Amino acid sequence: MKTPNMLEAKKRTKDKVNILYDEYKITKDMKIGTNKTYHIKTYGCQMNEHDSEVLSAMLEEMGYSKCDVMEDADVIILNTCAIRENAHNKVFGMLGRIKHLREERPNIITCLCGCMAQEEVVVDEVKKKMKWVDLVFGTHNIHRFPILLNEVAKSKEREIEVYSKEGDIIENLPYIRDNKYKSWVNIMYGCDKFCTYCIVPYTRGKQRSRRHEDIIKEVNDLIKDGVLEVTLLGQNVNAYGKDLYDNYGMENLLEDVVKTGIKRIKFVTSHPWDFTDKMIEIINKYDNILPFIHLPVQSGSNRILKLMGRRYTKESYLELFNKMRDQIKNVSITTDIIVGFPNETEEDFKETLDLYEKCEFDLAYTFIYSPRVGTPAAKMKDDVSEEVKKERLERLNKLVSKYAKKSNDKLLNKTVSVLIEGVSEKANDIMMGYTDTNKLINVKTDKSNIGKIIDVKVTSSKTWSLDGKSV
């Protein structure tokens, strides 16, 4: 048994990161899934979504088949997020449902993985109170999942294996894409920013970049498989390469990915601190880098930004934002904002509203602050009531809706580039896809256009989506 330790997870050394190519293997004795099924529930970010694609591929190599109904599955996996309390509550609620399911089907194997599995308090609770959870593993040893599942299936005994460490890079992991035409591509793992509210540096390890040769090979393989769009993933993609190279960064990687000929390139998530003028130049230079940037601001108050450990000011954020607006043609910029950080005053919050009015973001993901055990912010005294936090969130969300609609209205009667992904939920003769600025659009077009990038005229706009017809 190996359990997590937050103090160990916080350590950062100058030790060289191991890049390992042969760690993942499926042997004959692991092919135990014949006539059995699996079901994965994914919570959280795109990194978790991609991790679930990896877990799916591993399970299918073991002989399991995917099952859409959790209650019918032989193996249930909860791939979890630790960012907010709401995600925690959803997972614990689901574990309660699985407990009752186990009473009816005692041979189900239940697995807990992802970022929650890296938290001491979570694993302690699972150990003490949740005997029906059979396997717990973390973010650093996903490549060992088939070995651990095999041991649990054969021994009928619980396995807990979670490493709190800076982390390695494990190459050549399989994955099954959920989308035929789009793919996630990890370019780096972990984070060293240590924002005071954030648990990611503890759950994902230190910042470590993949070799650019391995990334380019993966993109080229995806192109051969018919993929049209890749999203380059990392906790802070702008810092790519700083830990690995002396003179090769995110702008160089973007240019090399462009040269593969992939039709569409996106990247998330960006930290304002590391976004360079050269990156802006490269984004504007190439048509296949989409003019869509997610740039979390978190707060419009310098006092709160300092308490958050964000290492930039409102003024420097606005300077960067305005450069993007001025220099990247048709750019769409979205953001994240936390409401109710410890001791946020009404004046602090009004500064956030003021910044939002200045920026008129295309969209924002807004959250009430959630204390995470082990982070510095969790120890701060908080005198903002829950009632006030909810009221502020409501006021902010009115602005979000207002400017989301205004942004969509700007596209009315314009022709936009859309990757058609499939049939819309609205009707069988309506297709759905995303514009080059990452806006959901329902398109009146033929099914033969699925998997193609086509020109679409926008015929109507709503707050959260567009309608259009193929040109």
Protein backbone atom coordinates (compact mmCIF):
# COMPACT_ATOMS: atom_id res chain seq x y z
CA MET A 1 0.00 0.00 0.00
CA LYS A 2 1.28 3.44 -1.00
CA THR A 3 -0.72 6.47 0.16
CA PRO A 4 -0.37 10.18 -0.74
CA ASN A 5 1.56 12.74 1.29
CA MET A 6 0.96 16.45 0.67
CA LEU A 7 4.32 17.53 2.05
CA GLU A 8 6.13 15.19 -0.31
CA ALA A 9 3.95 16.39 -3.20
CA LYS A 10 5.01 19.98 -2.55
CA LYS A 11 8.75 19.32 -2.89
CA ARG A 12 10.62 20.65 -5.92
CA THR A 13 14.18 19.67 -6.72
CA LYS A 14 16.49 20.12 -9.68
CA ASP A 15 16.49 16.37 -10.33
CA LYS A 16 16.29 15.45 -13.99
CA VAL A 17 12.89 14.24 -15.18
CA ASN A 18 12.85 10.66 -16.44
CA ILE A 19 11.34 10.27 -19.91
CA LEU A 20 10.34 6.62 -20.12
CA TYR A 21 9.30 4.84 -23.32
CA ASP A 22 8.83 1.21 -22.27
CA GLU A 23 6.99 1.42 -18.94
CA TYR A 24 3.59 0.41 -20.28
CA LYS A 25 3.05 -3.23 -21.18
CA ILE A 26 0.09 -5.63 -21.42
CA THR A 27 1.06 -9.25 -20.86
CA LYS A 28 -1.05 -12.32 -21.63
CA ASP A 29 -1.99 -12.86 -17.99
CA MET A 30 -3.54 -9.34 -17.90
CA LYS A 31 -6.10 -10.13 -20.61
CA ILE A 32 -8.81 -10.85 -18.08
CA GLY A 33 -11.66 -8.79 -19.56
CA THR A 34 -13.18 -11.25 -22.03
CA ASN A 35 -17.00 -10.98 -21.88
CA LYS A 36 -16.69 -8.24 -19.24
CA THR A 37 -17.45 -4.54 -19.44
CA TYR A 38 -16.20 -1.24 -18.04
CA HIS A 39 -17.67 2.20 -17.39
CA ILE A 40 -15.69 5.40 -16.76
CA LYS A 41 -17.08 8.57 -15.20
CA THR A 42 -14.84 11.58 -15.78
CA TYR A 43 -14.83 14.75 -13.71
CA GLY A 44 -12.85 17.94 -14.31
CA CYS A 45 -10.52 19.27 -16.95
CA GLN A 46 -9.43 18.26 -20.45
CA MET A 47 -6.39 16.52 -18.95
CA ASN A 48 -8.76 14.19 -17.09
CA GLU A 49 -10.80 13.62 -20.24
CA HIS A 50 -7.65 12.58 -22.06
CA ASP A 51 -6.59 10.36 -19.14
CA SER A 52 -9.96 8.59 -19.46
CA GLU A 53 -9.23 7.96 -23.14
CA VAL A 54 -5.98 6.31 -22.01
CA LEU A 55 -7.78 4.18 -19.41
CA SER A 56 -10.33 3.08 -22.05
CA ALA A 57 -7.57 1.92 -24.39
CA MET A 58 -5.86 -0.03 -21.59
CA LEU A 59 -9.09 -1.74 -20.60
CA GLU A 60 -9.87 -2.72 -24.18
CA GLU A 61 -6.36 -4.12 -24.59
CA MET A 62 -7.19 -6.24 -21.52
CA GLY A 63 -10.29 -7.54 -23.31
CA TYR A 64 -13.00 -5.42 -21.67
CA SER A 65 -15.78 -3.75 -23.67
CA LYS A 66 -17.19 -0.30 -23.02
CA CYS A 67 -20.58 -0.12 -21.30
CA ASP A 68 -22.68 3.05 -21.40
CA VAL A 69 -24.73 2.13 -18.32
CA MET A 70 -22.74 2.16 -15.08
CA GLU A 71 -25.11 -0.24 -13.33
CA ASP A 72 -24.37 -2.96 -15.92
CA ALA A 73 -20.56 -2.68 -15.86
CA ASP A 74 -18.11 -5.15 -14.28
CA VAL A 75 -15.46 -2.45 -13.70
CA ILE A 76 -16.42 1.09 -12.68
CA ILE A 77 -13.80 3.85 -12.72
CA LEU A 78 -14.25 7.33 -11.26
CA ASN A 79 -11.59 9.60 -12.77
CA THR A 80 -11.73 12.57 -10.45
CA CYS A 81 -11.03 16.29 -10.11
CA ALA A 82 -9.80 18.04 -6.96
CA ILE A 83 -10.14 21.69 -8.00
CA ARG A 84 -13.45 22.46 -6.27
CA GLU A 85 -15.61 21.15 -3.46
CA ASN A 86 -18.50 20.58 -5.86
CA ALA A 87 -16.45 18.01 -7.78
CA HIS A 88 -15.59 16.26 -4.49
CA ASN A 89 -19.23 16.09 -3.50
CA LYS A 90 -20.27 14.63 -6.85
CA VAL A 91 -17.68 11.86 -6.55
CA PHE A 92 -18.61 10.97 -2.97
CA GLY A 93 -22.27 10.95 -3.99
CA MET A 94 -21.47 8.57 -6.84
CA LEU A 95 -19.48 6.31 -4.51
CA GLY A 96 -22.60 6.13 -2.33
CA ARG A 97 -24.61 4.94 -5.33
CA ILE A 98 -21.97 2.34 -6.11
CA LYS A 99 -22.13 1.05 -2.53
CA HIS A 100 -25.80 0.17 -3.02
CA LEU A 101 -25.02 -1.33 -6.42
CA ARG A 102 -22.39 -3.56 -4.81
CA GLU A 103 -25.05 -5.01 -2.54
CA GLU A 104 -26.84 -6.31 -5.64
CA ARG A 105 -23.68 -7.16 -7.63
CA PRO A 106 -20.85 -7.95 -5.20
CA ASN A 107 -18.33 -8.81 -7.94
CA ILE A 108 -18.15 -5.29 -9.38
CA ILE A 109 -14.65 -3.78 -9.17
CA THR A 110 -14.69 -0.09 -8.18
CA CYS A 111 -11.70 2.14 -8.97
CA LEU A 112 -10.94 5.70 -7.84
CA CYS A 113 -8.23 7.62 -9.70
CA GLY A 114 -7.26 11.10 -10.85
CA CYS A 115 -6.55 14.16 -8.72
CA MET A 116 -8.77 13.30 -5.74
CA ALA A 117 -6.78 10.09 -5.35
CA GLN A 118 -3.68 12.26 -4.79
CA GLU A 119 -5.24 13.91 -1.71
CA GLU A 120 -4.39 12.57 1.74
CA VAL A 121 -7.77 13.45 3.24
CA VAL A 122 -9.62 11.64 0.46
CA VAL A 123 -7.58 8.45 0.62
CA ASP A 124 -7.83 8.43 4.44
CA GLU A 125 -11.63 8.60 4.18
CA VAL A 126 -11.74 5.87 1.54
CA LYS A 127 -9.54 3.62 3.69
CA LYS A 128 -11.67 4.10 6.79
CA LYS A 129 -15.20 4.35 5.48
CA MET A 130 -15.44 3.00 1.93
CA LYS A 131 -14.52 -0.66 1.98
CA TRP A 132 -16.30 -1.20 -1.34
CA VAL A 133 -13.63 0.83 -3.23
CA ASP A 134 -11.25 -1.84 -4.54
CA LEU A 135 -8.52 0.14 -6.28
CA VAL A 136 -7.10 3.62 -5.71
CA PHE A 137 -4.33 4.94 -7.95
CA GLY A 138 -3.07 8.43 -8.75
CA THR A 139 -1.93 10.62 -11.60
CA HIS A 140 1.70 9.47 -11.57
CA ASN A 141 1.10 5.76 -12.16
CA ILE A 142 -1.74 5.59 -14.67
CA HIS A 143 0.54 3.37 -16.77
CA ARG A 144 0.38 0.74 -14.00
CA PHE A 145 -3.43 0.56 -14.04
CA PRO A 146 -3.63 -2.81 -15.89
CA ILE A 147 -1.17 -4.38 -13.42
CA LEU A 148 -3.12 -3.09 -10.42
CA LEU A 149 -6.51 -4.08 -11.85
CA ASN A 150 -5.19 -7.55 -12.62
CA GLU A 151 -3.97 -7.94 -9.02
CA VAL A 152 -7.30 -6.80 -7.58
CA ALA A 153 -9.31 -9.07 -9.88
CA LYS A 154 -7.25 -12.13 -8.97
CA SER A 155 -6.58 -11.55 -5.26
CA LYS A 156 -9.98 -9.98 -4.39
CA GLU A 157 -8.05 -7.66 -2.10
CA ARG A 158 -7.92 -3.86 -2.11
CA GLU A 159 -4.99 -2.06 -3.74
CA ILE A 160 -3.99 1.54 -2.95
CA GLU A 161 -1.00 2.84 -4.90
CA VAL A 162 -0.58 6.62 -4.97
CA TYR A 163 2.79 8.33 -5.38
CA SER A 164 3.43 11.88 -4.14
CA LYS A 165 6.41 12.94 -6.22
CA GLU A 166 7.62 15.39 -8.81
CA GLY A 167 6.82 12.96 -11.58
CA ASP A 168 8.17 11.34 -14.73
CA ILE A 169 7.02 11.44 -18.34
CA ILE A 170 5.60 8.15 -19.57
CA GLU A 171 5.52 7.93 -23.36
CA ASN A 172 3.73 5.53 -25.69
CA LEU A 173 0.52 5.20 -23.67
CA PRO A 174 -2.43 4.09 -25.81
CA TYR A 175 -5.67 6.05 -26.03
CA ILE A 176 -9.05 5.75 -27.70
CA ARG A 177 -10.35 9.11 -28.89
CA ASP A 178 -13.92 10.06 -28.06
CA ASN A 179 -13.98 12.18 -31.23
CA LYS A 180 -12.89 10.94 -34.67
CA TYR A 181 -11.82 14.34 -35.90
CA LYS A 182 -10.36 16.05 -32.82
CA SER A 183 -7.71 14.95 -30.35
CA TRP A 184 -6.05 16.07 -27.14
CA VAL A 185 -2.25 16.05 -27.18
CA ASN A 186 -0.41 16.42 -23.89
CA ILE A 187 2.63 18.65 -24.30
CA MET A 188 3.53 18.93 -20.61
CA TYR A 189 2.46 17.83 -17.15
CA GLY A 190 2.33 19.41 -13.72
CA CYS A 191 2.73 22.98 -12.52
CA ASP A 192 5.18 24.97 -10.41
CA LYS A 193 3.13 28.18 -10.05
CA PHE A 194 1.65 27.24 -6.63
CA CYS A 195 -1.23 29.74 -6.72
CA THR A 196 -2.39 29.81 -3.11
CA TYR A 197 -5.86 28.36 -3.82
CA CYS A 198 -4.79 25.63 -6.24
CA ILE A 199 -4.13 21.98 -5.47
CA VAL A 200 -2.93 21.03 -8.97
CA PRO A 201 0.84 21.38 -8.21
CA TYR A 202 0.31 18.81 -5.44
CA THR A 203 -1.84 16.39 -7.45
CA ARG A 204 -0.04 16.60 -10.82
CA GLY A 205 3.59 17.12 -9.80
CA LYS A 206 6.18 19.53 -11.06
CA GLN A 207 6.21 21.20 -14.45
CA ARG A 208 7.71 18.82 -16.99
CA SER A 209 7.65 19.11 -20.77
CA ARG A 210 7.56 16.32 -23.33
CA ARG A 211 10.26 16.29 -25.99
CA HIS A 212 9.05 18.22 -29.01
CA GLU A 213 10.03 15.32 -31.29
CA ASP A 214 7.58 13.04 -29.43
CA ILE A 215 4.79 15.63 -29.70
CA ILE A 216 5.31 16.15 -33.43
CA LYS A 217 5.36 12.39 -34.04
CA GLU A 218 2.05 12.05 -32.19
CA VAL A 219 0.48 14.85 -34.25
CA ASN A 220 1.71 13.28 -37.50
CA ASP A 221 0.24 9.92 -36.47
CA LEU A 222 -3.09 11.60 -35.70
CA ILE A 223 -3.13 13.26 -39.14
CA LYS A 224 -2.68 9.82 -40.73
CA ASP A 225 -5.68 8.66 -38.67
CA GLY A 226 -7.91 11.39 -40.07
CA VAL A 227 -7.71 13.91 -37.23
CA LEU A 228 -8.31 17.53 -38.28
CA GLU A 229 -7.88 19.36 -34.98
CA VAL A 230 -5.52 18.98 -32.04
CA THR A 231 -5.65 20.73 -28.69
CA LEU A 232 -2.24 21.01 -27.02
CA LEU A 233 -2.73 20.35 -23.32
CA GLY A 234 -0.92 21.40 -20.18
CA GLN A 235 -1.61 22.98 -16.81
CA ASN A 236 0.30 26.02 -18.10
CA VAL A 237 1.10 25.55 -21.78
CA ASN A 238 2.83 28.92 -22.12
CA ALA A 239 5.67 27.64 -19.94
CA TYR A 240 6.32 24.72 -22.31
CA GLY A 241 10.00 23.91 -22.72
CA LYS A 242 11.35 26.09 -19.90
CA ASP A 243 12.21 23.01 -17.86
CA LEU A 244 13.70 21.09 -20.80
CA TYR A 245 15.34 23.43 -23.30
CA ASP A 246 17.48 26.57 -23.30
CA ASN A 247 16.10 28.07 -26.48
CA TYR A 248 12.90 26.25 -27.46
CA GLY A 249 9.54 27.36 -26.08
CA MET A 250 5.82 27.34 -26.80
CA GLU A 251 6.14 29.65 -29.81
CA ASN A 252 8.64 27.20 -31.38
CA LEU A 253 6.41 24.22 -30.68
CA LEU A 254 3.38 25.97 -32.17
CA GLU A 255 5.34 26.69 -35.35
CA ASP A 256 6.52 23.07 -35.58
CA VAL A 257 2.96 21.76 -35.11
CA VAL A 258 1.81 24.17 -37.84
CA LYS A 259 4.35 22.60 -40.21
CA THR A 260 2.78 19.13 -39.80
CA GLY A 261 -0.15 20.42 -41.87
CA ILE A 262 -2.79 19.70 -39.22
CA LYS A 263 -5.86 21.76 -40.14
CA ARG A 264 -6.62 23.22 -36.70
CA ILE A 265 -4.52 23.87 -33.60
CA LYS A 266 -5.73 25.00 -30.17
CA PHE A 267 -4.00 25.08 -26.79
CA VAL A 268 -5.09 25.25 -23.12
CA THR A 269 -4.54 26.44 -20.49
CA SER A 270 -2.57 29.68 -20.55
CA HIS A 271 -1.17 31.59 -17.58
CA PRO A 272 -0.89 35.36 -18.23
CA TRP A 273 2.57 35.43 -16.69
CA ASP A 274 4.17 33.34 -19.46
CA PHE A 275 2.33 34.60 -22.54
CA THR A 276 4.94 36.23 -24.79
CA ASP A 277 4.77 38.75 -27.63
CA LYS A 278 6.38 36.10 -29.84
CA MET A 279 3.47 33.73 -29.15
CA ILE A 280 0.99 36.41 -30.20
CA GLU A 281 3.01 36.94 -33.40
CA ILE A 282 3.02 33.22 -34.21
CA ILE A 283 -0.72 32.82 -33.52
CA ASN A 284 -1.54 35.68 -35.86
CA LYS A 285 0.88 34.46 -38.53
CA TYR A 286 -0.65 31.05 -39.20
CA ASP A 287 -4.24 30.34 -40.24
CA ASN A 288 -4.28 26.86 -38.74
CA ILE A 289 -3.63 28.17 -35.21
CA LEU A 290 -7.18 29.03 -34.20
CA PRO A 291 -7.79 32.58 -32.88
CA PHE A 292 -9.12 31.27 -29.58
CA ILE A 293 -7.32 31.87 -26.28
CA HIS A 294 -8.39 30.86 -22.79
CA LEU A 295 -6.65 33.29 -20.43
CA PRO A 296 -7.71 32.92 -16.76
CA VAL A 297 -7.66 36.20 -14.83
CA GLN A 298 -9.28 34.90 -11.59
CA SER A 299 -9.84 38.39 -10.13
CA GLY A 300 -9.78 42.04 -11.15
CA SER A 301 -8.40 43.21 -7.81
CA ASN A 302 -4.64 43.57 -7.38
CA ARG A 303 -5.01 42.92 -3.65
CA ILE A 304 -6.78 39.61 -4.29
CA LEU A 305 -4.42 38.66 -7.13
CA LYS A 306 -1.51 39.08 -4.70
CA LEU A 307 -3.25 36.92 -2.08
CA MET A 308 -3.86 34.33 -4.80
CA GLY A 309 -0.16 34.29 -5.71
CA ARG A 310 -0.94 35.01 -9.37
CA ARG A 311 2.20 37.16 -9.94
CA TYR A 312 0.62 39.67 -12.29
CA THR A 313 -1.49 42.80 -11.81
CA LYS A 314 -4.79 43.87 -13.28
CA GLU A 315 -2.88 46.43 -15.34
CA SER A 316 -0.43 43.92 -16.81
CA TYR A 317 -3.29 41.52 -17.59
CA LEU A 318 -5.17 44.26 -19.44
CA GLU A 319 -2.02 45.18 -21.35
CA LEU A 320 -1.64 41.57 -22.54
CA PHE A 321 -5.37 41.27 -23.27
CA ASN A 322 -5.35 44.40 -25.41
CA LYS A 323 -2.28 43.20 -27.35
CA MET A 324 -4.18 40.03 -28.23
CA ARG A 325 -7.30 41.95 -29.25
CA ASP A 326 -5.25 44.36 -31.37
CA GLN A 327 -2.84 41.91 -32.98
CA ILE A 328 -4.76 38.64 -33.48
CA LYS A 329 -7.42 38.85 -36.16
CA ASN A 330 -10.95 37.90 -34.98
CA VAL A 331 -9.58 36.60 -31.66
CA SER A 332 -11.96 35.09 -29.11
CA ILE A 333 -10.76 35.33 -25.49
CA THR A 334 -12.34 33.45 -22.58
CA THR A 335 -11.39 33.41 -18.92
CA ASP A 336 -11.84 31.91 -15.43
CA ILE A 337 -12.93 33.95 -12.42
CA ILE A 338 -13.09 32.96 -8.74
CA VAL A 339 -15.67 34.78 -6.60
CA GLY A 340 -15.46 35.02 -2.83
CA PHE A 341 -11.76 34.43 -2.27
CA PRO A 342 -10.97 34.82 1.48
CA ASN A 343 -11.66 38.41 2.59
CA GLU A 344 -12.73 39.65 -0.82
CA THR A 345 -14.44 43.00 -0.20
CA GLU A 346 -17.24 44.57 -2.19
CA GLU A 347 -14.65 46.97 -3.62
CA ASP A 348 -12.46 44.03 -4.71
CA PHE A 349 -15.44 42.41 -6.40
CA LYS A 350 -16.44 45.66 -8.15
CA GLU A 351 -12.90 45.79 -9.60
CA THR A 352 -13.54 42.34 -11.08
CA LEU A 353 -16.81 43.55 -12.60
CA ASP A 354 -15.01 46.61 -13.96
CA LEU A 355 -12.32 44.47 -15.58
CA TYR A 356 -15.01 42.27 -17.14
CA GLU A 357 -16.72 45.36 -18.59
CA LYS A 358 -13.39 46.49 -20.07
CA CYS A 359 -12.58 43.11 -21.62
CA GLU A 360 -16.05 41.97 -22.74
CA PHE A 361 -14.87 38.34 -22.70
CA ASP A 362 -16.51 35.94 -25.15
CA LEU A 363 -17.18 33.61 -22.21
CA ALA A 364 -16.10 33.03 -18.62
CA TYR A 365 -16.13 30.03 -16.32
CA THR A 366 -17.08 31.38 -12.91
CA PHE A 367 -16.79 29.70 -9.53
CA ILE A 368 -17.27 30.36 -5.85
CA TYR A 369 -13.95 29.82 -4.05
CA SER A 370 -13.50 26.32 -2.58
CA PRO A 371 -10.83 25.81 0.11
CA ARG A 372 -8.55 22.86 -0.71
CA VAL A 373 -6.92 21.13 2.24
CA GLY A 374 -3.14 21.65 2.22
CA THR A 375 -3.12 24.87 0.17
CA PRO A 376 -2.11 28.21 1.74
CA ALA A 377 -5.48 29.84 1.01
CA ALA A 378 -7.27 27.17 3.04
CA LYS A 379 -5.55 28.58 6.15
CA MET A 380 -6.64 32.16 5.46
CA LYS A 381 -9.40 33.64 7.59
CA ASP A 382 -12.50 34.14 5.48
CA ASP A 383 -15.12 36.67 6.56
CA VAL A 384 -17.24 36.59 3.38
CA SER A 385 -20.56 34.85 3.99
CA GLU A 386 -21.86 32.15 1.65
CA GLU A 387 -24.89 34.34 0.96
CA VAL A 388 -22.68 37.22 -0.22
CA LYS A 389 -20.57 34.89 -2.37
CA LYS A 390 -23.66 33.52 -4.13
CA GLU A 391 -25.03 37.02 -4.69
CA ARG A 392 -21.71 38.13 -6.24
CA LEU A 393 -21.59 35.09 -8.48
CA GLU A 394 -25.09 35.89 -9.72
CA ARG A 395 -24.10 39.50 -10.51
CA LEU A 396 -20.99 38.35 -12.36
CA ASN A 397 -22.90 35.72 -14.34
CA LYS A 398 -25.30 38.39 -15.61
CA LEU A 399 -22.30 40.13 -17.17
CA VAL A 400 -21.03 36.83 -18.58
CA SER A 401 -24.38 36.21 -20.28
CA LYS A 402 -24.58 39.80 -21.57
CA TYR A 403 -21.20 39.73 -23.27
CA ALA A 404 -21.50 36.13 -24.49
CA LYS A 405 -24.63 37.19 -26.38
CA LYS A 406 -22.95 40.39 -27.62
CA SER A 407 -19.98 38.36 -28.88
CA ASN A 408 -22.23 35.91 -30.71
CA ASP A 409 -24.32 38.74 -32.18
CA LYS A 410 -21.20 40.11 -33.88
CA LEU A 411 -21.14 36.98 -36.06
CA LEU A 412 -24.68 37.38 -37.41
CA ASN A 413 -24.79 37.10 -41.23
CA LYS A 414 -21.04 36.48 -41.31
CA THR A 415 -19.38 33.41 -42.82
CA VAL A 416 -17.32 31.35 -40.38
CA SER A 417 -15.18 28.22 -40.62
CA VAL A 418 -16.74 25.21 -38.85
CA LEU A 419 -15.56 21.68 -38.17
CA ILE A 420 -18.74 19.57 -38.45
CA GLU A 421 -18.56 16.86 -35.78
CA GLY A 422 -21.89 15.07 -35.92
CA VAL A 423 -25.68 15.24 -35.79
CA SER A 424 -27.11 17.93 -33.52
CA GLU A 425 -29.39 17.06 -30.61
CA LYS A 426 -31.87 19.59 -32.08
CA ALA A 427 -32.88 17.58 -35.15
CA ASN A 428 -31.70 14.75 -37.38
CA ASP A 429 -31.18 17.08 -40.34
CA ILE A 430 -29.12 19.59 -38.30
CA MET A 431 -25.39 19.06 -37.77
CA MET A 432 -23.26 20.47 -34.94
CA GLY A 433 -19.72 21.72 -34.79
CA TYR A 434 -17.44 24.49 -33.54
CA THR A 435 -16.30 27.66 -35.25
CA ASP A 436 -12.64 28.62 -35.46
CA THR A 437 -13.29 30.80 -32.38
CA ASN A 438 -14.59 27.77 -30.45
CA LYS A 439 -18.29 28.66 -30.54
CA LEU A 440 -20.90 25.91 -30.70
CA ILE A 441 -22.98 26.15 -33.85
CA ASN A 442 -25.91 24.12 -35.18
CA VAL A 443 -25.77 23.97 -38.97
CA LYS A 444 -28.35 23.20 -41.61
CA THR A 445 -26.24 20.98 -43.85
CA ASP A 446 -25.96 17.45 -45.20
CA LYS A 447 -24.61 14.56 -43.13
CA SER A 448 -21.92 14.05 -45.77
CA ASN A 449 -20.18 17.10 -44.28
CA ILE A 450 -19.50 15.35 -40.96
CA GLY A 451 -15.74 15.27 -40.51
CA LYS A 452 -15.17 18.24 -42.82
CA ILE A 453 -14.29 21.88 -42.24
CA ILE A 454 -16.85 23.96 -44.14
CA ASP A 455 -17.93 27.58 -44.52
CA VAL A 456 -21.13 28.41 -42.66
CA LYS A 457 -23.25 31.57 -42.70
CA VAL A 458 -24.50 32.48 -39.22
CA THR A 459 -28.28 32.96 -39.35
CA SER A 460 -29.10 33.48 -35.66
CA SER A 461 -27.32 33.89 -32.35
CA LYS A 462 -28.22 32.83 -28.83
CA THR A 463 -26.32 33.39 -25.59
CA TRP A 464 -24.44 30.11 -25.67
CA SER A 465 -24.67 28.95 -29.30
CA LEU A 466 -25.19 29.93 -32.93
CA ASP A 467 -27.32 28.66 -35.81
CA GLY A 468 -26.22 28.66 -39.42
CA LYS A 469 -26.41 27.12 -42.86
CA SER A 470 -23.64 25.82 -45.09
CA VAL A 471 -22.53 28.19 -47.82
